[in-house]
Amino acid sequence: MYKAEDIMTKKVIVVQPETEIVQAARLLLEHHINGLPVVDQDGRLEGMICQDDLVTQQKKIPLPSYFIILDSLIPLSSQKDVEKALKKMAAITVAEAMSTDPITVGPDTELEEIATLMVKHNIHTVPVLDQGRLVGIIGKEDILKTLIPG
């Protein structure tokens, strides 16, 4: 059975929180990848920025829905959710648009578990951490490669 360390890409392209969105988008496109780990100065994982995070910037402004009861406006979504979506849409740096607290795996995590996490959480890229340090990354393409006899 394959483990993360067997299929992960070890030479990981990363960005830092202060990286501009345009630069992150350029890296994603140039390298044909879906996500980039966001690391601090010490190489510790702070989040992930992926194509979905950047596509969010192009969507319509999420206007909150309301209904009226006894002349009172009752919001159907929280103001906090609307503010969060607007902040992400207006992001200039990776820190403002990235997903924080990404799902990660360790080098010994088995392929079945990685695939299950990807499907269950609808993610395309999983960072591999060893003792808190980023040591690799696994994309759906890395999993597909295991289906082809070597």
N, C-alpha and C. Protein backbone atom coordinates (compact mmCIF):
# COMPACT_ATOMS: atom_id res chain seq x y z
N MET A 1 0.84 -1.19 0.00
CA MET A 1 0.00 0.00 0.00
C MET A 1 0.88 1.25 0.00
N TYR A 2 0.54 2.17 -0.87
CA TYR A 2 1.27 3.43 -0.94
C TYR A 2 1.02 4.28 0.30
N LYS A 3 2.05 5.05 0.66
CA LYS A 3 1.93 6.02 1.74
C LYS A 3 2.24 7.40 1.15
N ALA A 4 1.93 8.43 1.92
CA ALA A 4 2.13 9.81 1.45
C ALA A 4 3.55 10.02 0.96
N GLU A 5 4.53 9.53 1.72
CA GLU A 5 5.93 9.76 1.35
C GLU A 5 6.30 9.11 0.02
N ASP A 6 5.53 8.10 -0.41
CA ASP A 6 5.80 7.40 -1.67
C ASP A 6 5.30 8.19 -2.88
N ILE A 7 4.27 8.99 -2.70
CA ILE A 7 3.64 9.64 -3.85
C ILE A 7 3.73 11.17 -3.82
N MET A 8 4.16 11.74 -2.71
CA MET A 8 4.17 13.20 -2.58
C MET A 8 5.24 13.84 -3.46
N THR A 9 4.98 15.08 -3.81
CA THR A 9 5.97 15.90 -4.49
C THR A 9 6.80 16.54 -3.39
N LYS A 10 8.11 16.32 -3.44
CA LYS A 10 8.98 16.80 -2.36
C LYS A 10 9.46 18.22 -2.58
N LYS A 11 9.59 18.63 -3.82
CA LYS A 11 10.02 19.99 -4.13
C LYS A 11 8.75 20.85 -4.24
N VAL A 12 8.38 21.46 -3.11
CA VAL A 12 7.10 22.16 -3.02
C VAL A 12 7.28 23.65 -3.32
N ILE A 13 6.42 24.15 -4.17
CA ILE A 13 6.37 25.58 -4.45
C ILE A 13 5.49 26.19 -3.37
N VAL A 14 6.02 27.19 -2.67
CA VAL A 14 5.28 27.81 -1.57
C VAL A 14 5.20 29.32 -1.77
N VAL A 15 4.30 29.93 -1.05
CA VAL A 15 4.21 31.39 -0.98
C VAL A 15 4.15 31.79 0.48
N GLN A 16 4.36 33.06 0.72
CA GLN A 16 4.27 33.59 2.08
C GLN A 16 3.01 34.45 2.18
N PRO A 17 2.55 34.70 3.40
CA PRO A 17 1.29 35.45 3.57
C PRO A 17 1.27 36.80 2.86
N GLU A 18 2.41 37.46 2.77
CA GLU A 18 2.44 38.79 2.15
C GLU A 18 2.55 38.75 0.62
N THR A 19 2.65 37.55 0.04
CA THR A 19 2.70 37.42 -1.42
C THR A 19 1.41 37.99 -2.01
N GLU A 20 1.55 38.74 -3.10
CA GLU A 20 0.38 39.32 -3.75
C GLU A 20 -0.42 38.24 -4.48
N ILE A 21 -1.72 38.43 -4.52
CA ILE A 21 -2.64 37.49 -5.17
C ILE A 21 -2.23 37.24 -6.61
N VAL A 22 -1.84 38.28 -7.32
CA VAL A 22 -1.45 38.15 -8.73
C VAL A 22 -0.28 37.19 -8.88
N GLN A 23 0.70 37.28 -7.98
CA GLN A 23 1.86 36.39 -8.04
C GLN A 23 1.44 34.94 -7.75
N ALA A 24 0.56 34.75 -6.79
CA ALA A 24 0.07 33.39 -6.48
C ALA A 24 -0.66 32.81 -7.69
N ALA A 25 -1.50 33.61 -8.32
CA ALA A 25 -2.23 33.14 -9.50
C ALA A 25 -1.26 32.76 -10.62
N ARG A 26 -0.22 33.58 -10.79
CA ARG A 26 0.79 33.30 -11.82
C ARG A 26 1.49 31.95 -11.55
N LEU A 27 1.85 31.71 -10.29
CA LEU A 27 2.51 30.44 -9.94
C LEU A 27 1.59 29.24 -10.19
N LEU A 28 0.33 29.37 -9.81
CA LEU A 28 -0.62 28.28 -10.04
C LEU A 28 -0.73 27.95 -11.52
N LEU A 29 -0.82 28.98 -12.34
CA LEU A 29 -0.96 28.76 -13.77
C LEU A 29 0.32 28.26 -14.42
N GLU A 30 1.45 28.85 -14.08
CA GLU A 30 2.72 28.46 -14.68
C GLU A 30 3.09 27.01 -14.38
N HIS A 31 2.76 26.55 -13.18
CA HIS A 31 3.15 25.21 -12.77
C HIS A 31 2.02 24.19 -12.90
N HIS A 32 0.87 24.64 -13.40
CA HIS A 32 -0.28 23.75 -13.59
C HIS A 32 -0.64 23.00 -12.31
N ILE A 33 -0.75 23.75 -11.23
CA ILE A 33 -1.10 23.16 -9.93
C ILE A 33 -2.36 23.84 -9.40
N ASN A 34 -3.02 23.17 -8.47
CA ASN A 34 -4.27 23.69 -7.92
C ASN A 34 -4.08 24.50 -6.65
N GLY A 35 -3.04 24.19 -5.86
CA GLY A 35 -2.89 24.88 -4.59
C GLY A 35 -1.45 25.10 -4.19
N LEU A 36 -1.26 26.13 -3.37
CA LEU A 36 0.07 26.47 -2.87
C LEU A 36 0.03 26.55 -1.34
N PRO A 37 0.95 25.88 -0.67
CA PRO A 37 1.04 26.05 0.77
C PRO A 37 1.52 27.47 1.08
N VAL A 38 0.96 28.04 2.13
CA VAL A 38 1.38 29.36 2.60
C VAL A 38 2.18 29.13 3.87
N VAL A 39 3.45 29.54 3.85
CA VAL A 39 4.33 29.29 4.99
C VAL A 39 4.87 30.60 5.55
N ASP A 40 5.21 30.57 6.85
CA ASP A 40 5.81 31.75 7.47
C ASP A 40 7.31 31.75 7.22
N GLN A 41 8.02 32.70 7.80
CA GLN A 41 9.47 32.83 7.61
C GLN A 41 10.24 31.58 8.04
N ASP A 42 9.68 30.83 9.00
CA ASP A 42 10.34 29.63 9.50
C ASP A 42 9.92 28.36 8.76
N GLY A 43 9.10 28.51 7.73
CA GLY A 43 8.66 27.36 6.95
C GLY A 43 7.49 26.62 7.55
N ARG A 44 6.85 27.19 8.55
CA ARG A 44 5.66 26.56 9.16
C ARG A 44 4.42 26.88 8.34
N LEU A 45 3.59 25.87 8.14
CA LEU A 45 2.38 26.02 7.34
C LEU A 45 1.37 26.92 8.04
N GLU A 46 0.90 27.94 7.33
CA GLU A 46 -0.12 28.85 7.86
C GLU A 46 -1.45 28.68 7.18
N GLY A 47 -1.43 28.12 5.97
CA GLY A 47 -2.68 27.95 5.23
C GLY A 47 -2.40 27.46 3.84
N MET A 48 -3.45 27.48 3.03
CA MET A 48 -3.36 27.08 1.62
C MET A 48 -4.08 28.12 0.79
N ILE A 49 -3.52 28.42 -0.36
CA ILE A 49 -4.21 29.28 -1.33
C ILE A 49 -4.40 28.42 -2.57
N CYS A 50 -5.63 28.31 -3.03
CA CYS A 50 -5.88 27.45 -4.19
C CYS A 50 -6.69 28.20 -5.24
N GLN A 51 -6.87 27.57 -6.35
CA GLN A 51 -7.60 28.19 -7.45
C GLN A 51 -8.98 28.64 -7.00
N ASP A 52 -9.66 27.84 -6.19
CA ASP A 52 -11.00 28.20 -5.72
C ASP A 52 -10.98 29.51 -4.94
N ASP A 53 -9.94 29.71 -4.13
CA ASP A 53 -9.83 30.96 -3.36
C ASP A 53 -9.72 32.16 -4.29
N LEU A 54 -9.03 31.98 -5.41
CA LEU A 54 -8.83 33.08 -6.35
C LEU A 54 -10.04 33.30 -7.24
N VAL A 55 -10.72 32.23 -7.59
CA VAL A 55 -11.94 32.35 -8.39
C VAL A 55 -13.00 33.11 -7.60
N THR A 56 -12.98 32.98 -6.29
CA THR A 56 -13.92 33.69 -5.42
C THR A 56 -13.89 35.19 -5.68
N GLN A 57 -12.74 35.71 -6.03
CA GLN A 57 -12.62 37.15 -6.27
C GLN A 57 -13.45 37.61 -7.47
N GLN A 58 -13.84 36.71 -8.33
CA GLN A 58 -14.57 37.09 -9.54
C GLN A 58 -16.07 36.87 -9.42
N LYS A 59 -16.55 36.38 -8.29
CA LYS A 59 -17.98 36.10 -8.18
C LYS A 59 -18.77 37.35 -7.82
N LYS A 60 -20.08 37.22 -7.88
CA LYS A 60 -20.96 38.33 -7.53
C LYS A 60 -20.86 38.63 -6.04
N ILE A 61 -21.12 39.87 -5.70
CA ILE A 61 -21.13 40.25 -4.29
C ILE A 61 -22.28 39.53 -3.61
N PRO A 62 -22.00 38.84 -2.49
CA PRO A 62 -23.05 38.06 -1.81
C PRO A 62 -23.98 38.96 -0.98
N LEU A 63 -25.09 39.33 -1.57
CA LEU A 63 -26.04 40.16 -0.83
C LEU A 63 -26.83 39.29 0.13
N PRO A 64 -26.91 39.70 1.39
CA PRO A 64 -27.63 38.89 2.36
C PRO A 64 -29.12 38.87 2.07
N SER A 65 -29.75 37.74 2.31
CA SER A 65 -31.19 37.61 2.14
C SER A 65 -31.88 37.93 3.46
N TYR A 66 -33.03 38.56 3.35
CA TYR A 66 -33.81 38.92 4.54
C TYR A 66 -35.25 38.50 4.35
N PHE A 67 -35.96 38.34 5.46
CA PHE A 67 -37.40 38.25 5.38
C PHE A 67 -37.97 39.15 6.46
N ILE A 68 -39.21 39.54 6.27
CA ILE A 68 -39.82 40.53 7.17
C ILE A 68 -40.91 39.87 8.00
N ILE A 69 -40.83 40.08 9.31
CA ILE A 69 -41.87 39.62 10.24
C ILE A 69 -42.19 40.80 11.15
N LEU A 70 -43.46 41.17 11.18
CA LEU A 70 -43.90 42.27 12.04
C LEU A 70 -43.03 43.52 11.87
N ASP A 71 -42.80 43.90 10.63
CA ASP A 71 -42.01 45.08 10.28
C ASP A 71 -40.55 45.01 10.73
N SER A 72 -40.02 43.82 10.99
CA SER A 72 -38.62 43.65 11.36
C SER A 72 -37.91 42.86 10.27
N LEU A 73 -36.70 43.31 9.92
CA LEU A 73 -35.87 42.58 8.95
C LEU A 73 -35.11 41.49 9.68
N ILE A 74 -35.25 40.26 9.24
CA ILE A 74 -34.55 39.12 9.83
C ILE A 74 -33.57 38.58 8.78
N PRO A 75 -32.26 38.65 9.04
CA PRO A 75 -31.30 38.15 8.05
C PRO A 75 -31.29 36.63 8.00
N LEU A 76 -31.15 36.08 6.79
CA LEU A 76 -31.07 34.63 6.61
C LEU A 76 -29.63 34.14 6.66
N SER A 77 -28.69 35.06 6.56
CA SER A 77 -27.28 34.70 6.72
C SER A 77 -26.65 35.71 7.66
N SER A 78 -25.60 35.29 8.32
CA SER A 78 -24.99 36.18 9.30
C SER A 78 -24.19 37.28 8.61
N GLN A 79 -24.17 38.44 9.23
CA GLN A 79 -23.39 39.57 8.72
C GLN A 79 -21.91 39.20 8.66
N LYS A 80 -21.48 38.37 9.61
CA LYS A 80 -20.08 37.93 9.67
C LYS A 80 -19.71 37.15 8.41
N ASP A 81 -20.60 36.27 7.94
CA ASP A 81 -20.34 35.49 6.73
C ASP A 81 -20.23 36.40 5.50
N VAL A 82 -21.10 37.39 5.43
CA VAL A 82 -21.07 38.34 4.30
C VAL A 82 -19.76 39.13 4.34
N GLU A 83 -19.37 39.61 5.51
CA GLU A 83 -18.13 40.38 5.64
C GLU A 83 -16.92 39.53 5.27
N LYS A 84 -16.93 38.27 5.67
CA LYS A 84 -15.82 37.37 5.35
C LYS A 84 -15.71 37.17 3.83
N ALA A 85 -16.86 36.97 3.17
CA ALA A 85 -16.86 36.78 1.72
C ALA A 85 -16.37 38.04 1.01
N LEU A 86 -16.81 39.21 1.48
CA LEU A 86 -16.37 40.46 0.86
C LEU A 86 -14.87 40.68 1.05
N LYS A 87 -14.37 40.35 2.22
CA LYS A 87 -12.93 40.50 2.49
C LYS A 87 -12.11 39.62 1.55
N LYS A 88 -12.59 38.39 1.35
CA LYS A 88 -11.88 37.46 0.47
C LYS A 88 -11.91 37.95 -0.98
N MET A 89 -13.04 38.52 -1.38
CA MET A 89 -13.18 39.02 -2.75
C MET A 89 -12.27 40.22 -3.00
N ALA A 90 -11.99 40.99 -1.96
CA ALA A 90 -11.18 42.20 -2.11
C ALA A 90 -9.71 41.97 -1.77
N ALA A 91 -9.33 40.74 -1.55
CA ALA A 91 -7.97 40.42 -1.10
C ALA A 91 -6.91 40.90 -2.09
N ILE A 92 -5.83 41.39 -1.51
CA ILE A 92 -4.67 41.80 -2.30
C ILE A 92 -3.50 40.86 -2.03
N THR A 93 -3.44 40.35 -0.80
CA THR A 93 -2.36 39.42 -0.45
C THR A 93 -2.93 38.02 -0.20
N VAL A 94 -2.06 37.06 -0.24
CA VAL A 94 -2.43 35.67 0.00
C VAL A 94 -3.08 35.51 1.38
N ALA A 95 -2.55 36.20 2.39
CA ALA A 95 -3.09 36.08 3.75
C ALA A 95 -4.57 36.43 3.82
N GLU A 96 -5.01 37.34 2.97
CA GLU A 96 -6.41 37.78 3.00
C GLU A 96 -7.34 36.81 2.28
N ALA A 97 -6.82 35.94 1.44
CA ALA A 97 -7.66 35.04 0.65
C ALA A 97 -7.47 33.57 0.98
N MET A 98 -6.38 33.23 1.67
CA MET A 98 -6.06 31.81 1.90
C MET A 98 -7.05 31.14 2.84
N SER A 99 -7.10 29.83 2.71
CA SER A 99 -7.85 29.01 3.65
C SER A 99 -6.90 28.69 4.80
N THR A 100 -7.35 28.98 6.00
CA THR A 100 -6.51 28.70 7.17
C THR A 100 -6.85 27.32 7.71
N ASP A 101 -5.96 26.77 8.49
CA ASP A 101 -6.16 25.45 9.10
C ASP A 101 -6.48 24.36 8.07
N PRO A 102 -5.60 24.20 7.06
CA PRO A 102 -5.87 23.20 6.03
C PRO A 102 -5.74 21.78 6.56
N ILE A 103 -6.38 20.88 5.88
CA ILE A 103 -6.26 19.46 6.20
C ILE A 103 -4.88 19.00 5.75
N THR A 104 -4.17 18.32 6.63
CA THR A 104 -2.81 17.85 6.34
C THR A 104 -2.72 16.37 6.65
N VAL A 105 -1.66 15.76 6.14
CA VAL A 105 -1.37 14.36 6.45
C VAL A 105 0.11 14.25 6.81
N GLY A 106 0.47 13.12 7.39
CA GLY A 106 1.87 12.83 7.69
C GLY A 106 2.46 11.94 6.63
N PRO A 107 3.77 11.77 6.63
CA PRO A 107 4.44 10.94 5.63
C PRO A 107 3.97 9.48 5.62
N ASP A 108 3.51 8.99 6.77
CA ASP A 108 3.07 7.60 6.87
C ASP A 108 1.59 7.39 6.59
N THR A 109 0.87 8.45 6.26
CA THR A 109 -0.57 8.32 5.97
C THR A 109 -0.75 7.50 4.71
N GLU A 110 -1.66 6.53 4.78
CA GLU A 110 -1.88 5.63 3.64
C GLU A 110 -2.73 6.30 2.56
N LEU A 111 -2.51 5.85 1.33
CA LEU A 111 -3.18 6.39 0.15
C LEU A 111 -4.70 6.40 0.31
N GLU A 112 -5.27 5.33 0.83
CA GLU A 112 -6.73 5.25 1.03
C GLU A 112 -7.24 6.41 1.88
N GLU A 113 -6.53 6.70 2.96
CA GLU A 113 -6.95 7.78 3.85
C GLU A 113 -6.83 9.14 3.17
N ILE A 114 -5.77 9.33 2.40
CA ILE A 114 -5.57 10.60 1.68
C ILE A 114 -6.71 10.81 0.68
N ALA A 115 -6.99 9.77 -0.09
CA ALA A 115 -8.07 9.85 -1.09
C ALA A 115 -9.41 10.12 -0.43
N THR A 116 -9.64 9.47 0.69
CA THR A 116 -10.89 9.68 1.43
C THR A 116 -11.02 11.12 1.91
N LEU A 117 -9.94 11.68 2.44
CA LEU A 117 -9.95 13.08 2.90
C LEU A 117 -10.24 14.03 1.75
N MET A 118 -9.61 13.78 0.61
CA MET A 118 -9.80 14.65 -0.55
C MET A 118 -11.26 14.65 -1.01
N VAL A 119 -11.83 13.47 -1.08
CA VAL A 119 -13.22 13.36 -1.54
C VAL A 119 -14.18 13.93 -0.49
N LYS A 120 -13.98 13.56 0.75
CA LYS A 120 -14.89 13.98 1.83
C LYS A 120 -14.92 15.50 1.99
N HIS A 121 -13.76 16.13 1.87
CA HIS A 121 -13.66 17.58 2.10
C HIS A 121 -13.58 18.39 0.80
N ASN A 122 -13.72 17.71 -0.34
CA ASN A 122 -13.68 18.35 -1.65
C ASN A 122 -12.43 19.23 -1.81
N ILE A 123 -11.28 18.63 -1.56
CA ILE A 123 -10.01 19.35 -1.71
C ILE A 123 -9.16 18.64 -2.77
N HIS A 124 -8.29 19.40 -3.39
CA HIS A 124 -7.47 18.86 -4.48
C HIS A 124 -6.00 18.73 -4.11
N THR A 125 -5.60 19.39 -3.04
CA THR A 125 -4.19 19.44 -2.66
C THR A 125 -4.07 19.28 -1.15
N VAL A 126 -3.17 18.37 -0.73
CA VAL A 126 -2.98 18.11 0.70
C VAL A 126 -1.50 18.25 1.06
N PRO A 127 -1.19 19.17 1.97
CA PRO A 127 0.19 19.29 2.44
C PRO A 127 0.58 18.09 3.31
N VAL A 128 1.84 17.70 3.22
CA VAL A 128 2.37 16.62 4.05
C VAL A 128 3.32 17.25 5.07
N LEU A 129 3.00 17.06 6.34
CA LEU A 129 3.81 17.63 7.42
C LEU A 129 4.50 16.53 8.20
N ASP A 130 5.74 16.79 8.58
CA ASP A 130 6.50 15.89 9.45
C ASP A 130 7.01 16.73 10.62
N GLN A 131 6.50 16.46 11.80
CA GLN A 131 6.83 17.21 13.00
C GLN A 131 6.60 18.71 12.80
N GLY A 132 5.47 19.03 12.16
CA GLY A 132 5.08 20.41 11.96
C GLY A 132 5.72 21.10 10.76
N ARG A 133 6.64 20.45 10.11
CA ARG A 133 7.34 21.03 8.95
C ARG A 133 6.77 20.48 7.65
N LEU A 134 6.65 21.35 6.67
CA LEU A 134 6.18 20.95 5.34
C LEU A 134 7.27 20.14 4.64
N VAL A 135 6.96 18.89 4.30
CA VAL A 135 7.95 18.04 3.64
C VAL A 135 7.52 17.60 2.24
N GLY A 136 6.25 17.90 1.90
CA GLY A 136 5.76 17.51 0.58
C GLY A 136 4.33 17.95 0.38
N ILE A 137 3.82 17.64 -0.79
CA ILE A 137 2.44 17.98 -1.12
C ILE A 137 1.89 16.90 -2.03
N ILE A 138 0.61 16.62 -1.88
CA ILE A 138 -0.04 15.60 -2.71
C ILE A 138 -1.23 16.24 -3.40
N GLY A 139 -1.27 16.09 -4.72
CA GLY A 139 -2.41 16.54 -5.51
C GLY A 139 -3.15 15.32 -6.05
N LYS A 140 -4.32 15.56 -6.58
CA LYS A 140 -5.10 14.45 -7.13
C LYS A 140 -4.33 13.74 -8.24
N GLU A 141 -3.52 14.47 -8.98
CA GLU A 141 -2.73 13.86 -10.04
C GLU A 141 -1.75 12.84 -9.47
N ASP A 142 -1.19 13.13 -8.29
CA ASP A 142 -0.26 12.17 -7.66
C ASP A 142 -0.98 10.86 -7.33
N ILE A 143 -2.22 10.96 -6.94
CA ILE A 143 -3.01 9.76 -6.63
C ILE A 143 -3.35 9.00 -7.92
N LEU A 144 -3.71 9.73 -8.97
CA LEU A 144 -4.03 9.08 -10.23
C LEU A 144 -2.84 8.31 -10.80
N LYS A 145 -1.64 8.83 -10.59
CA LYS A 145 -0.43 8.16 -11.09
C LYS A 145 -0.27 6.77 -10.50
N THR A 146 -0.81 6.53 -9.31
CA THR A 146 -0.68 5.20 -8.69
C THR A 146 -1.52 4.15 -9.41
N LEU A 147 -2.47 4.59 -10.25
CA LEU A 147 -3.31 3.66 -10.99
C LEU A 147 -2.62 3.09 -12.22
N ILE A 148 -1.57 3.78 -12.66
CA ILE A 148 -0.86 3.35 -13.88
C ILE A 148 0.31 2.47 -13.48
N PRO A 149 0.35 1.26 -14.03
CA PRO A 149 1.47 0.37 -13.68
C PRO A 149 2.80 0.99 -14.06
N GLY A 150 3.79 0.88 -13.14
CA GLY A 150 5.08 1.54 -13.33
C GLY A 150 6.04 0.74 -14.09
